[in-house]
Amino acid sequence: MERRWSRRKRVSQEVFLRYRGLGILRCKTLDISFEGACIETGPVEVPPPEEIELIFFQREDELARVVRISANVVRTFDTGIGVSFRDYHDGSHKFLLRLLG
């Protein structure tokens, strides 16, 4: 059974998913935590344990900042995937704090 160390929050956030076999796909988060996320991908399948990159655009005032998080697909469901975050890049912790706050 999967054990989560932090709570998940229902968040509908636009995210771009980069997958080597697909290119870049525009998606939406369904929920997110510090450890991972559930992402709606539509009819596109990305099988476990594929490595992907998630690209978020953080908007502050009139500026947009790119936030990247590397992840592994850990499960699939009818219209999406569950991912576990692997590598946090510059600003990703601060972005997740704001999103989960």
C-alpha atoms as a PDB file:
ATOM      1  CA  MET A   1       0.000   0.000   0.000  1.00  0.00           C
ATOM      2  CA  GLU A   2       1.239   3.478  -0.895  1.00  0.00           C
ATOM      3  CA  ARG A   3       2.090   5.735   2.047  1.00  0.00           C
ATOM      4  CA  ARG A   4       1.891   9.480   1.616  1.00  0.00           C
ATOM      5  CA  TRP A   5       3.963  11.717   3.847  1.00  0.00           C
ATOM      6  CA  SER A   6       2.167  14.945   3.017  1.00  0.00           C
ATOM      7  CA  ARG A   7      -1.475  15.751   2.394  1.00  0.00           C
ATOM      8  CA  ARG A   8      -2.846  16.193  -1.086  1.00  0.00           C
ATOM      9  CA  LYS A   9      -4.906  19.197  -2.053  1.00  0.00           C
ATOM     10  CA  ARG A  10      -7.454  19.365  -4.850  1.00  0.00           C
ATOM     11  CA  VAL A  11      -5.984  21.901  -7.253  1.00  0.00           C
ATOM     12  CA  SER A  12      -6.918  22.499 -10.874  1.00  0.00           C
ATOM     13  CA  GLN A  13      -3.666  23.923 -12.217  1.00  0.00           C
ATOM     14  CA  GLU A  14      -2.527  24.038 -15.832  1.00  0.00           C
ATOM     15  CA  VAL A  15       0.658  22.029 -16.351  1.00  0.00           C
ATOM     16  CA  PHE A  16       2.646  21.024 -19.392  1.00  0.00           C
ATOM     17  CA  LEU A  17       3.925  17.465 -19.446  1.00  0.00           C
ATOM     18  CA  ARG A  18       7.117  16.700 -21.385  1.00  0.00           C
ATOM     19  CA  TYR A  19       7.451  13.058 -22.358  1.00  0.00           C
ATOM     20  CA  ARG A  20      10.118  11.866 -24.767  1.00  0.00           C
ATOM     21  CA  GLY A  21       7.744   9.694 -26.803  1.00  0.00           C
ATOM     22  CA  LEU A  22       5.141  12.430 -27.082  1.00  0.00           C
ATOM     23  CA  GLY A  23       6.701  15.886 -26.916  1.00  0.00           C
ATOM     24  CA  ILE A  24       4.805  18.421 -24.803  1.00  0.00           C
ATOM     25  CA  LEU A  25       1.202  17.880 -23.751  1.00  0.00           C
ATOM     26  CA  ARG A  26      -1.053  20.494 -22.119  1.00  0.00           C
ATOM     27  CA  CYS A  27      -2.666  18.957 -19.020  1.00  0.00           C
ATOM     28  CA  LYS A  28      -4.328  19.851 -15.726  1.00  0.00           C
ATOM     29  CA  THR A  29      -3.626  18.763 -12.160  1.00  0.00           C
ATOM     30  CA  LEU A  30      -6.487  17.227 -10.217  1.00  0.00           C
ATOM     31  CA  ASP A  31      -4.636  17.177  -6.906  1.00  0.00           C
ATOM     32  CA  ILE A  32      -1.087  17.815  -5.751  1.00  0.00           C
ATOM     33  CA  SER A  33       1.223  17.419  -2.744  1.00  0.00           C
ATOM     34  CA  PHE A  34       4.909  17.944  -2.030  1.00  0.00           C
ATOM     35  CA  GLU A  35       5.529  14.357  -3.157  1.00  0.00           C
ATOM     36  CA  GLY A  36       3.481  14.069  -6.328  1.00  0.00           C
ATOM     37  CA  ALA A  37       0.329  14.816  -8.264  1.00  0.00           C
ATOM     38  CA  CYS A  38      -2.625  13.374 -10.091  1.00  0.00           C
ATOM     39  CA  ILE A  39      -2.708  14.739 -13.633  1.00  0.00           C
ATOM     40  CA  GLU A  40      -5.490  14.634 -16.181  1.00  0.00           C
ATOM     41  CA  THR A  41      -3.983  13.765 -19.577  1.00  0.00           C
ATOM     42  CA  GLY A  42      -7.158  12.949 -21.509  1.00  0.00           C
ATOM     43  CA  PRO A  43      -6.897   9.996 -23.893  1.00  0.00           C
ATOM     44  CA  VAL A  44      -3.070  10.099 -23.967  1.00  0.00           C
ATOM     45  CA  GLU A  45      -1.388   7.201 -22.137  1.00  0.00           C
ATOM     46  CA  VAL A  46       1.961   7.546 -20.400  1.00  0.00           C
ATOM     47  CA  PRO A  47       2.862   4.195 -18.813  1.00  0.00           C
ATOM     48  CA  PRO A  48       4.687   3.630 -15.521  1.00  0.00           C
ATOM     49  CA  PRO A  49       7.583   3.985 -14.739  1.00  0.00           C
ATOM     50  CA  GLU A  50       8.249   6.585 -17.441  1.00  0.00           C
ATOM     51  CA  GLU A  51      10.276   9.641 -16.537  1.00  0.00           C
ATOM     52  CA  ILE A  52       8.574  12.927 -17.378  1.00  0.00           C
ATOM     53  CA  GLU A  53       9.030  16.623 -16.720  1.00  0.00           C
ATOM     54  CA  LEU A  54       6.226  18.844 -15.468  1.00  0.00           C
ATOM     55  CA  ILE A  55       6.316  22.503 -16.456  1.00  0.00           C
ATOM     56  CA  PHE A  56       4.209  25.004 -14.516  1.00  0.00           C
ATOM     57  CA  PHE A  57       3.875  28.717 -15.206  1.00  0.00           C
ATOM     58  CA  GLN A  58       3.725  30.709 -11.998  1.00  0.00           C
ATOM     59  CA  ARG A  59       2.086  34.061 -12.537  1.00  0.00           C
ATOM     60  CA  GLU A  60       2.995  36.942 -10.255  1.00  0.00           C
ATOM     61  CA  ASP A  61       1.569  40.327 -11.142  1.00  0.00           C
ATOM     62  CA  GLU A  62       2.416  40.755 -14.823  1.00  0.00           C
ATOM     63  CA  LEU A  63       5.341  38.324 -14.785  1.00  0.00           C
ATOM     64  CA  ALA A  64       5.293  34.599 -15.539  1.00  0.00           C
ATOM     65  CA  ARG A  65       7.945  32.290 -14.202  1.00  0.00           C
ATOM     66  CA  VAL A  66       8.619  28.725 -15.330  1.00  0.00           C
ATOM     67  CA  VAL A  67       8.746  26.042 -12.629  1.00  0.00           C
ATOM     68  CA  ARG A  68      10.023  22.573 -13.603  1.00  0.00           C
ATOM     69  CA  ILE A  69       9.696  19.351 -11.643  1.00  0.00           C
ATOM     70  CA  SER A  70      10.980  15.955 -12.811  1.00  0.00           C
ATOM     71  CA  ALA A  71       8.730  13.009 -11.983  1.00  0.00           C
ATOM     72  CA  ASN A  72       8.044   9.332 -12.565  1.00  0.00           C
ATOM     73  CA  VAL A  73       4.663   7.953 -13.572  1.00  0.00           C
ATOM     74  CA  VAL A  74       3.565   5.587 -10.783  1.00  0.00           C
ATOM     75  CA  ARG A  75       0.024   4.739 -11.886  1.00  0.00           C
ATOM     76  CA  THR A  76      -2.505   5.288 -14.635  1.00  0.00           C
ATOM     77  CA  PHE A  77      -6.282   5.667 -14.643  1.00  0.00           C
ATOM     78  CA  ASP A  78      -8.936   6.241 -17.328  1.00  0.00           C
ATOM     79  CA  THR A  79      -8.072   9.861 -18.121  1.00  0.00           C
ATOM     80  CA  GLY A  80      -4.760  10.476 -16.418  1.00  0.00           C
ATOM     81  CA  ILE A  81      -1.715   9.517 -14.418  1.00  0.00           C
ATOM     82  CA  GLY A  82      -0.347   9.645 -10.893  1.00  0.00           C
ATOM     83  CA  VAL A  83       3.227  10.889 -10.606  1.00  0.00           C
ATOM     84  CA  SER A  84       5.878  10.937  -7.927  1.00  0.00           C
ATOM     85  CA  PHE A  85       8.193  13.957  -7.944  1.00  0.00           C
ATOM     86  CA  ARG A  86      11.897  13.151  -8.363  1.00  0.00           C
ATOM     87  CA  ASP A  87      13.955  16.275  -8.857  1.00  0.00           C
ATOM     88  CA  TYR A  88      12.929  19.731  -7.755  1.00  0.00           C
ATOM     89  CA  HIS A  89      14.399  22.587  -9.774  1.00  0.00           C
ATOM     90  CA  ASP A  90      14.861  26.257  -8.860  1.00  0.00           C
ATOM     91  CA  GLY A  91      11.782  27.749  -7.247  1.00  0.00           C
ATOM     92  CA  SER A  92       9.715  24.550  -7.228  1.00  0.00           C
ATOM     93  CA  HIS A  93       9.517  24.259  -3.412  1.00  0.00           C
ATOM     94  CA  LYS A  94       8.317  27.863  -3.111  1.00  0.00           C
ATOM     95  CA  PHE A  95       5.792  27.269  -5.926  1.00  0.00           C
ATOM     96  CA  LEU A  96       4.407  24.159  -4.183  1.00  0.00           C
ATOM     97  CA  LEU A  97       4.175  26.020  -0.865  1.00  0.00           C
ATOM     98  CA  ARG A  98       2.040  28.724  -2.481  1.00  0.00           C
ATOM     99  CA  LEU A  99      -0.108  26.207  -4.332  1.00  0.00           C
ATOM    100  CA  LEU A 100      -0.707  24.120  -1.224  1.00  0.00           C
ATOM    101  CA  GLY A 101      -1.095  27.066   1.175  1.00  0.00           C
END
